[in-house]
PDB file of N, CA and C in Angstrom:
ATOM      1  N   MET A   1       0.841  -1.177   0.000  1.00  0.00           N
ATOM      2  CA  MET A   1       0.000   0.000   0.000  1.00  0.00           C
ATOM      3  C   MET A   1       0.880   1.231   0.000  1.00  0.00           C
ATOM      4  N   THR A   2       0.509   2.227  -0.789  1.00  0.00           N
ATOM      5  CA  THR A   2       1.239   3.482  -0.849  1.00  0.00           C
ATOM      6  C   THR A   2       0.549   4.501   0.048  1.00  0.00           C
ATOM      7  N   PHE A   3       1.321   5.183   0.857  1.00  0.00           N
ATOM      8  CA  PHE A   3       0.758   6.149   1.789  1.00  0.00           C
ATOM      9  C   PHE A   3       0.647   7.521   1.132  1.00  0.00           C
ATOM     10  N   PRO A   4      -0.257   8.395   1.633  1.00  0.00           N
ATOM     11  CA  PRO A   4      -0.482   9.704   1.013  1.00  0.00           C
ATOM     12  C   PRO A   4       0.774  10.529   0.796  1.00  0.00           C
ATOM     13  N   ASP A   5       1.716  10.517   1.748  1.00  0.00           N
ATOM     14  CA  ASP A   5       2.945  11.303   1.569  1.00  0.00           C
ATOM     15  C   ASP A   5       3.742  10.800   0.374  1.00  0.00           C
ATOM     16  N   ALA A   6       3.796   9.482   0.193  1.00  0.00           N
ATOM     17  CA  ALA A   6       4.511   8.912  -0.946  1.00  0.00           C
ATOM     18  C   ALA A   6       3.801   9.264  -2.248  1.00  0.00           C
ATOM     19  N   LEU A   7       2.471   9.243  -2.238  1.00  0.00           N
ATOM     20  CA  LEU A   7       1.709   9.615  -3.428  1.00  0.00           C
ATOM     21  C   LEU A   7       1.942  11.070  -3.785  1.00  0.00           C
ATOM     22  N   ALA A   8       1.948  11.923  -2.784  1.00  0.00           N
ATOM     23  CA  ALA A   8       2.165  13.345  -3.031  1.00  0.00           C
ATOM     24  C   ALA A   8       3.550  13.579  -3.609  1.00  0.00           C
ATOM     25  N   SER A   9       4.558  12.905  -3.074  1.00  0.00           N
ATOM     26  CA  SER A   9       5.912  13.049  -3.586  1.00  0.00           C
ATOM     27  C   SER A   9       5.990  12.590  -5.035  1.00  0.00           C
ATOM     28  N   GLN A  10       5.379  11.447  -5.331  1.00  0.00           N
ATOM     29  CA  GLN A  10       5.379  10.920  -6.688  1.00  0.00           C
ATOM     30  C   GLN A  10       4.684  11.888  -7.637  1.00  0.00           C
ATOM     31  N   GLY A  11       3.586  12.475  -7.184  1.00  0.00           N
ATOM     32  CA  GLY A  11       2.821  13.388  -8.023  1.00  0.00           C
ATOM     33  C   GLY A  11       3.547  14.671  -8.345  1.00  0.00           C
ATOM     34  N   LEU A  12       4.480  15.069  -7.517  1.00  0.00           N
ATOM     35  CA  LEU A  12       5.184  16.326  -7.739  1.00  0.00           C
ATOM     36  C   LEU A  12       6.562  16.144  -8.350  1.00  0.00           C
ATOM     37  N   GLN A  13       7.021  14.905  -8.526  1.00  0.00           N
ATOM     38  CA  GLN A  13       8.353  14.656  -9.065  1.00  0.00           C
ATOM     39  C   GLN A  13       8.480  15.066 -10.528  1.00  0.00           C
ATOM     40  N   GLU A  14       7.413  14.935 -11.296  1.00  0.00           N
ATOM     41  CA  GLU A  14       7.449  15.254 -12.716  1.00  0.00           C
ATOM     42  C   GLU A  14       6.427  16.356 -13.017  1.00  0.00           C
ATOM     43  N   PRO A  15       6.769  17.620 -12.741  1.00  0.00           N
ATOM     44  CA  PRO A  15       5.796  18.697 -12.905  1.00  0.00           C
ATOM     45  C   PRO A  15       5.277  18.877 -14.326  1.00  0.00           C
ATOM     46  N   SER A  16       6.002  18.419 -15.329  1.00  0.00           N
ATOM     47  CA  SER A  16       5.529  18.579 -16.701  1.00  0.00           C
ATOM     48  C   SER A  16       4.287  17.739 -16.984  1.00  0.00           C
ATOM     49  N   LEU A  17       4.040  16.694 -16.178  1.00  0.00           N
ATOM     50  CA  LEU A  17       2.881  15.838 -16.369  1.00  0.00           C
ATOM     51  C   LEU A  17       1.653  16.325 -15.603  1.00  0.00           C
ATOM     52  N   VAL A  18       1.834  17.287 -14.716  1.00  0.00           N
ATOM     53  CA  VAL A  18       0.742  17.770 -13.878  1.00  0.00           C
ATOM     54  C   VAL A  18      -0.168  18.697 -14.674  1.00  0.00           C
ATOM     55  N   LYS A  19      -1.477  18.420 -14.637  1.00  0.00           N
ATOM     56  CA  LYS A  19      -2.480  19.298 -15.248  1.00  0.00           C
ATOM     57  C   LYS A  19      -3.296  19.892 -14.106  1.00  0.00           C
ATOM     58  N   GLU A  20      -3.720  21.137 -14.268  1.00  0.00           N
ATOM     59  CA  GLU A  20      -4.455  21.803 -13.204  1.00  0.00           C
ATOM     60  C   GLU A  20      -5.710  22.440 -13.774  1.00  0.00           C
ATOM     61  N   VAL A  21      -6.837  22.265 -13.069  1.00  0.00           N
ATOM     62  CA  VAL A  21      -8.092  22.912 -13.433  1.00  0.00           C
ATOM     63  C   VAL A  21      -8.706  23.510 -12.169  1.00  0.00           C
ATOM     64  N   GLN A  22      -9.585  24.480 -12.350  1.00  0.00           N
ATOM     65  CA  GLN A  22     -10.285  25.127 -11.242  1.00  0.00           C
ATOM     66  C   GLN A  22     -11.752  24.706 -11.271  1.00  0.00           C
ATOM     67  N   PHE A  23     -12.343  24.506 -10.091  1.00  0.00           N
ATOM     68  CA  PHE A  23     -13.760  24.158  -9.994  1.00  0.00           C
ATOM     69  C   PHE A  23     -14.283  24.640  -8.658  1.00  0.00           C
ATOM     70  N   LEU A  24     -15.269  25.542  -8.656  1.00  0.00           N
ATOM     71  CA  LEU A  24     -15.892  26.079  -7.445  1.00  0.00           C
ATOM     72  C   LEU A  24     -14.860  26.511  -6.400  1.00  0.00           C
ATOM     73  N   ALA A  25     -13.922  27.339  -6.811  1.00  0.00           N
ATOM     74  CA  ALA A  25     -12.872  27.901  -5.951  1.00  0.00           C
ATOM     75  C   ALA A  25     -11.922  26.844  -5.401  1.00  0.00           C
ATOM     76  N   HIS A  26     -11.881  25.667  -5.996  1.00  0.00           N
ATOM     77  CA  HIS A  26     -10.942  24.620  -5.618  1.00  0.00           C
ATOM     78  C   HIS A  26      -9.977  24.402  -6.780  1.00  0.00           C
ATOM     79  N   ARG A  27      -8.781  24.006  -6.452  1.00  0.00           N
ATOM     80  CA  ARG A  27      -7.783  23.677  -7.461  1.00  0.00           C
ATOM     81  C   ARG A  27      -7.674  22.158  -7.529  1.00  0.00           C
ATOM     82  N   ILE A  28      -7.744  21.597  -8.730  1.00  0.00           N
ATOM     83  CA  ILE A  28      -7.594  20.160  -8.928  1.00  0.00           C
ATOM     84  C   ILE A  28      -6.311  19.963  -9.731  1.00  0.00           C
ATOM     85  N   ARG A  29      -5.302  19.363  -9.097  1.00  0.00           N
ATOM     86  CA  ARG A  29      -4.047  19.069  -9.781  1.00  0.00           C
ATOM     87  C   ARG A  29      -4.025  17.574 -10.033  1.00  0.00           C
ATOM     88  N   GLN A  30      -3.724  17.175 -11.256  1.00  0.00           N
ATOM     89  CA  GLN A  30      -3.781  15.762 -11.606  1.00  0.00           C
ATOM     90  C   GLN A  30      -2.607  15.359 -12.477  1.00  0.00           C
ATOM     91  N   ARG A  31      -2.270  14.105 -12.389  1.00  0.00           N
ATOM     92  CA  ARG A  31      -1.208  13.547 -13.229  1.00  0.00           C
ATOM     93  C   ARG A  31      -1.424  12.047 -13.326  1.00  0.00           C
ATOM     94  N   PRO A  32      -0.951  11.442 -14.387  1.00  0.00           N
ATOM     95  CA  PRO A  32      -1.060   9.988 -14.495  1.00  0.00           C
ATOM     96  C   PRO A  32       0.084   9.305 -13.759  1.00  0.00           C
ATOM     97  N   PRO A  33      -0.186   8.552 -12.699  1.00  0.00           N
ATOM     98  CA  PRO A  33       0.885   7.786 -12.056  1.00  0.00           C
ATOM     99  C   PRO A  33       1.127   6.507 -12.862  1.00  0.00           C
ATOM    100  N   ARG A  34       1.863   5.600 -12.307  1.00  0.00           N
ATOM    101  CA  ARG A  34       2.161   4.350 -13.016  1.00  0.00           C
ATOM    102  C   ARG A  34       0.904   3.549 -13.304  1.00  0.00           C
ATOM    103  N   VAL A  35      -0.038   3.566 -12.395  1.00  0.00           N
ATOM    104  CA  VAL A  35      -1.294   2.830 -12.579  1.00  0.00           C
ATOM    105  C   VAL A  35      -2.440   3.792 -12.288  1.00  0.00           C
ATOM    106  N   GLY A  36      -3.297   4.079 -13.254  1.00  0.00           N
ATOM    107  CA  GLY A  36      -4.424   4.973 -13.046  1.00  0.00           C
ATOM    108  C   GLY A  36      -3.999   6.428 -12.996  1.00  0.00           C
ATOM    109  N   TRP A  37      -4.859   7.263 -12.424  1.00  0.00           N
ATOM    110  CA  TRP A  37      -4.623   8.702 -12.314  1.00  0.00           C
ATOM    111  C   TRP A  37      -4.753   9.132 -10.865  1.00  0.00           C
ATOM    112  N   ILE A  38      -4.096  10.236 -10.533  1.00  0.00           N
ATOM    113  CA  ILE A  38      -4.128  10.786  -9.180  1.00  0.00           C
ATOM    114  C   ILE A  38      -4.361  12.293  -9.281  1.00  0.00           C
ATOM    115  N   SER A  39      -5.168  12.844  -8.353  1.00  0.00           N
ATOM    116  CA  SER A  39      -5.318  14.296  -8.306  1.00  0.00           C
ATOM    117  C   SER A  39      -5.197  14.759  -6.862  1.00  0.00           C
ATOM    118  N   PHE A  40      -4.831  16.000  -6.708  1.00  0.00           N
ATOM    119  CA  PHE A  40      -4.726  16.653  -5.410  1.00  0.00           C
ATOM    120  C   PHE A  40      -5.728  17.790  -5.437  1.00  0.00           C
ATOM    121  N   VAL A  41      -6.785  17.694  -4.634  1.00  0.00           N
ATOM    122  CA  VAL A  41      -7.864  18.679  -4.645  1.00  0.00           C
ATOM    123  C   VAL A  41      -7.720  19.553  -3.406  1.00  0.00           C
ATOM    124  N   ALA A  42      -7.624  20.873  -3.613  1.00  0.00           N
ATOM    125  CA  ALA A  42      -7.435  21.772  -2.472  1.00  0.00           C
ATOM    126  C   ALA A  42      -8.089  23.119  -2.736  1.00  0.00           C
ATOM    127  N   ARG A  43      -8.610  23.695  -1.680  1.00  0.00           N
ATOM    128  CA  ARG A  43      -9.091  25.074  -1.712  1.00  0.00           C
ATOM    129  C   ARG A  43      -7.959  25.937  -1.161  1.00  0.00           C
ATOM    130  N   GLN A  44      -7.947  27.196  -1.562  1.00  0.00           N
ATOM    131  CA  GLN A  44      -6.910  28.113  -1.096  1.00  0.00           C
ATOM    132  C   GLN A  44      -6.753  28.029   0.420  1.00  0.00           C
ATOM    133  N   GLY A  45      -5.551  27.785   0.887  1.00  0.00           N
ATOM    134  CA  GLY A  45      -5.271  27.735   2.316  1.00  0.00           C
ATOM    135  C   GLY A  45      -5.551  26.396   2.978  1.00  0.00           C
ATOM    136  N   GLN A  46      -5.975  25.395   2.223  1.00  0.00           N
ATOM    137  CA  GLN A  46      -6.246  24.076   2.785  1.00  0.00           C
ATOM    138  C   GLN A  46      -5.243  23.069   2.238  1.00  0.00           C
ATOM    139  N   GLY A  47      -5.023  22.022   3.002  1.00  0.00           N
ATOM    140  CA  GLY A  47      -4.187  20.932   2.520  1.00  0.00           C
ATOM    141  C   GLY A  47      -4.949  20.134   1.473  1.00  0.00           C
ATOM    142  N   PRO A  48      -4.244  19.438   0.592  1.00  0.00           N
ATOM    143  CA  PRO A  48      -4.908  18.700  -0.483  1.00  0.00           C
ATOM    144  C   PRO A  48      -5.517  17.377  -0.018  1.00  0.00           C
ATOM    145  N   THR A  49      -6.572  16.969  -0.719  1.00  0.00           N
ATOM    146  CA  THR A  49      -7.140  15.640  -0.576  1.00  0.00           C
ATOM    147  C   THR A  49      -6.731  14.878  -1.828  1.00  0.00           C
ATOM    148  N   ILE A  50      -6.250  13.666  -1.666  1.00  0.00           N
ATOM    149  CA  ILE A  50      -5.794  12.860  -2.793  1.00  0.00           C
ATOM    150  C   ILE A  50      -6.943  12.004  -3.303  1.00  0.00           C
ATOM    151  N   VAL A  51      -7.152  12.043  -4.621  1.00  0.00           N
ATOM    152  CA  VAL A  51      -8.197  11.247  -5.269  1.00  0.00           C
ATOM    153  C   VAL A  51      -7.514  10.347  -6.301  1.00  0.00           C
ATOM    154  N   LEU A  52      -7.871   9.066  -6.299  1.00  0.00           N
ATOM    155  CA  LEU A  52      -7.326   8.104  -7.254  1.00  0.00           C
ATOM    156  C   LEU A  52      -8.437   7.575  -8.140  1.00  0.00           C
ATOM    157  N   ALA A  53      -8.128   7.340  -9.431  1.00  0.00           N
ATOM    158  CA  ALA A  53      -9.113   6.787 -10.363  1.00  0.00           C
ATOM    159  C   ALA A  53      -8.376   6.063 -11.494  1.00  0.00           C
ATOM    160  N   PRO A  54      -9.066   5.155 -12.165  1.00  0.00           N
ATOM    161  CA  PRO A  54      -8.425   4.391 -13.238  1.00  0.00           C
ATOM    162  C   PRO A  54      -8.187   5.190 -14.524  1.00  0.00           C
ATOM    163  N   ASP A  55      -8.958   6.275 -14.734  1.00  0.00           N
ATOM    164  CA  ASP A  55      -8.771   7.094 -15.933  1.00  0.00           C
ATOM    165  C   ASP A  55      -9.076   8.553 -15.609  1.00  0.00           C
ATOM    166  N   ARG A  56      -8.701   9.448 -16.535  1.00  0.00           N
ATOM    167  CA  ARG A  56      -8.824  10.890 -16.282  1.00  0.00           C
ATOM    168  C   ARG A  56     -10.281  11.316 -16.124  1.00  0.00           C
ATOM    169  N   GLU A  57     -11.172  10.785 -16.939  1.00  0.00           N
ATOM    170  CA  GLU A  57     -12.584  11.168 -16.864  1.00  0.00           C
ATOM    171  C   GLU A  57     -13.172  10.813 -15.487  1.00  0.00           C
ATOM    172  N   ALA A  58     -12.894   9.615 -15.008  1.00  0.00           N
ATOM    173  CA  ALA A  58     -13.371   9.211 -13.685  1.00  0.00           C
ATOM    174  C   ALA A  58     -12.753  10.078 -12.595  1.00  0.00           C
ATOM    175  N   LEU A  59     -11.499  10.465 -12.786  1.00  0.00           N
ATOM    176  CA  LEU A  59     -10.816  11.314 -11.805  1.00  0.00           C
ATOM    177  C   LEU A  59     -11.498  12.671 -11.681  1.00  0.00           C
ATOM    178  N   ILE A  60     -11.836  13.281 -12.814  1.00  0.00           N
ATOM    179  CA  ILE A  60     -12.526  14.578 -12.785  1.00  0.00           C
ATOM    180  C   ILE A  60     -13.882  14.441 -12.105  1.00  0.00           C
ATOM    181  N   ILE A  61     -14.633  13.396 -12.437  1.00  0.00           N
ATOM    182  CA  ILE A  61     -15.954  13.182 -11.831  1.00  0.00           C
ATOM    183  C   ILE A  61     -15.828  13.028 -10.317  1.00  0.00           C
ATOM    184  N   GLN A  62     -14.890  12.197  -9.867  1.00  0.00           N
ATOM    185  CA  GLN A  62     -14.708  11.980  -8.428  1.00  0.00           C
ATOM    186  C   GLN A  62     -14.241  13.249  -7.723  1.00  0.00           C
ATOM    187  N   SER A  63     -13.346  13.991  -8.351  1.00  0.00           N
ATOM    188  CA  SER A  63     -12.845  15.238  -7.752  1.00  0.00           C
ATOM    189  C   SER A  63     -13.963  16.264  -7.615  1.00  0.00           C
ATOM    190  N   ARG A  64     -14.786  16.387  -8.639  1.00  0.00           N
ATOM    191  CA  ARG A  64     -15.902  17.346  -8.582  1.00  0.00           C
ATOM    192  C   ARG A  64     -16.941  16.924  -7.554  1.00  0.00           C
ATOM    193  N   GLU A  65     -17.205  15.638  -7.432  1.00  0.00           N
ATOM    194  CA  GLU A  65     -18.151  15.157  -6.408  1.00  0.00           C
ATOM    195  C   GLU A  65     -17.635  15.483  -5.012  1.00  0.00           C
ATOM    196  N   LEU A  66     -16.339  15.281  -4.788  1.00  0.00           N
ATOM    197  CA  LEU A  66     -15.737  15.620  -3.501  1.00  0.00           C
ATOM    198  C   LEU A  66     -15.945  17.101  -3.196  1.00  0.00           C
ATOM    199  N   ILE A  67     -15.711  17.956  -4.178  1.00  0.00           N
ATOM    200  CA  ILE A  67     -15.866  19.402  -3.984  1.00  0.00           C
ATOM    201  C   ILE A  67     -17.324  19.758  -3.724  1.00  0.00           C
ATOM    202  N   ARG A  68     -18.236  19.169  -4.476  1.00  0.00           N
ATOM    203  CA  ARG A  68     -19.671  19.445  -4.245  1.00  0.00           C
ATOM    204  C   ARG A  68     -20.082  19.047  -2.829  1.00  0.00           C
ATOM    205  N   ARG A  69     -19.611  17.894  -2.359  1.00  0.00           N
ATOM    206  CA  ARG A  69     -19.934  17.470  -0.987  1.00  0.00           C
ATOM    207  C   ARG A  69     -19.382  18.461   0.020  1.00  0.00           C
ATOM    208  N   ARG A  70     -18.153  18.894  -0.193  1.00  0.00           N
ATOM    209  CA  ARG A  70     -17.539  19.884   0.718  1.00  0.00           C
ATOM    210  C   ARG A  70     -18.353  21.173   0.736  1.00  0.00           C
ATOM    211  N   CYS A  71     -18.726  21.647  -0.439  1.00  0.00           N
ATOM    212  CA  CYS A  71     -19.480  22.904  -0.529  1.00  0.00           C
ATOM    213  C   CYS A  71     -20.859  22.746   0.108  1.00  0.00           C
ATOM    214  N   GLY A  72     -21.482  21.591  -0.036  1.00  0.00           N
ATOM    215  CA  GLY A  72     -22.780  21.325   0.558  1.00  0.00           C
ATOM    216  C   GLY A  72     -22.724  21.269   2.079  1.00  0.00           C
ATOM    217  N   GLU A  73     -21.608  20.811   2.620  1.00  0.00           N
ATOM    218  CA  GLU A  73     -21.442  20.728   4.071  1.00  0.00           C
ATOM    219  C   GLU A  73     -21.348  22.109   4.703  1.00  0.00           C
ATOM    220  N   ARG A  74     -20.868  23.090   3.961  1.00  0.00           N
ATOM    221  CA  ARG A  74     -20.688  24.439   4.512  1.00  0.00           C
ATOM    222  C   ARG A  74     -21.972  25.253   4.507  1.00  0.00           C
ATOM    223  N   LYS A  75     -22.989  24.827   3.788  1.00  0.00           N
ATOM    224  CA  LYS A  75     -24.241  25.613   3.689  1.00  0.00           C
ATOM    225  C   LYS A  75     -25.110  25.422   4.892  1.00  0.00           C
TER     226      LYS A  75
END
């Protein structure tokens, strides 16, 4: 099993592979690891949450769902 710190290190080792998008004031940073895809979802001033998925489309869907849940909890 890979721990979050190891995943974060792996995700930042090759910055040219990192793609970043914005969604509801959150930043989603993603890159393809050796198996599947990984993203780091964070709002300004917060630590990232790591999301894993088998492909990029699933990763975006899961990342956006996480953000929607977070935004819904604050209302």
